[in-house]
Protein backbone atom coordinates (compact mmCIF):
# COMPACT_ATOMS: atom_id res chain seq x y z
CA MET A 1 119.67 115.45 94.63
CA LEU A 2 116.13 116.79 94.69
CA THR A 3 112.89 114.83 94.34
CA CYS A 4 110.09 115.99 92.04
CA SER A 5 106.79 116.38 93.88
CA THR A 6 104.85 115.45 90.73
CA CYS A 7 106.60 112.40 89.23
CA GLY A 8 108.58 111.37 92.34
CA LYS A 9 111.84 110.97 90.43
CA GLU A 10 115.13 112.29 91.77
CA PHE A 11 117.25 114.70 89.77
CA THR A 12 120.69 116.18 90.29
CA HIS A 13 121.00 119.69 91.65
CA SER A 14 124.80 119.70 92.00
CA SER A 15 127.74 117.34 92.35
CA ILE A 16 130.36 116.90 95.03
CA PRO A 17 133.87 116.95 93.49
CA GLU A 18 135.42 113.48 93.44
CA ASN A 19 138.90 114.73 94.35
CA LEU A 20 137.99 115.91 97.87
CA PRO A 21 139.94 114.27 100.69
CA PHE A 22 137.88 111.62 102.50
CA VAL A 23 137.76 113.71 105.69
CA GLN A 24 135.91 116.51 103.87
CA LEU A 25 133.25 114.09 102.63
CA ASP A 26 132.01 113.57 106.20
CA LEU A 27 130.21 116.92 106.24
CA PRO A 28 129.86 118.29 102.70
CA HIS A 29 128.38 121.77 102.56
CA LYS A 30 124.96 122.03 100.94
CA PRO A 31 124.65 124.85 98.39
CA GLU A 32 122.91 128.00 99.60
CA PHE A 33 119.36 128.68 98.38
CA PRO A 34 117.52 132.01 98.32
CA SER A 35 115.36 132.54 101.43
CA GLU A 36 112.20 132.20 99.32
CA GLY A 37 113.45 128.92 97.82
CA LEU A 38 114.79 127.98 94.41
CA ALA A 39 112.38 127.42 91.51
CA LEU A 40 113.49 124.51 89.31
CA ASP A 41 111.94 122.46 86.53
CA CYS A 42 112.06 118.68 86.82
CA PRO A 43 114.16 117.33 83.92
CA ASN A 44 111.96 114.18 83.86
CA CYS A 45 108.42 115.59 83.66
CA GLY A 46 108.97 119.36 83.34
CA HIS A 47 106.98 120.29 86.47
CA SER A 48 108.18 123.53 88.05
CA ALA A 49 108.44 123.64 91.85
CA THR A 50 110.12 125.73 94.52
CA HIS A 51 112.65 123.78 96.56
CA GLN A 52 114.25 124.64 99.89
CA ARG A 53 117.81 123.86 100.94
CA HIS A 54 116.55 121.20 103.38
CA ASP A 55 115.02 119.34 100.40
CA LEU A 56 118.51 118.45 99.16
CA ILE A 57 119.68 114.90 99.80
CA TYR A 58 123.07 113.31 99.22
CA ARG A 59 123.21 110.34 96.88
CA PHE A 60 126.34 108.27 96.26
CA SER A 61 127.07 107.74 92.60
CA PRO A 62 129.97 105.34 91.98
CA ALA A 63 132.38 106.44 89.27
CA VAL A 64 132.04 104.61 85.98
CA GLN A 65 135.17 102.58 85.34
CA VAL A 66 136.38 102.37 81.76
CA GLN A 67 138.20 99.18 80.82
């Protein structure tokens, strides 16, 4: 997840596959970014900003269960 510096809302950069063994979830690998950063538009407000790899945070998203 990344956080928009304008509206403050989080948005998804990438997902961690759900079928990884539990052991691999201890230290998931963050995606690589270009050395100058990665320019992305916020899907909530449209603001464009350059993000660095260290800006990425992990956020647990429980799977939706269909009954």
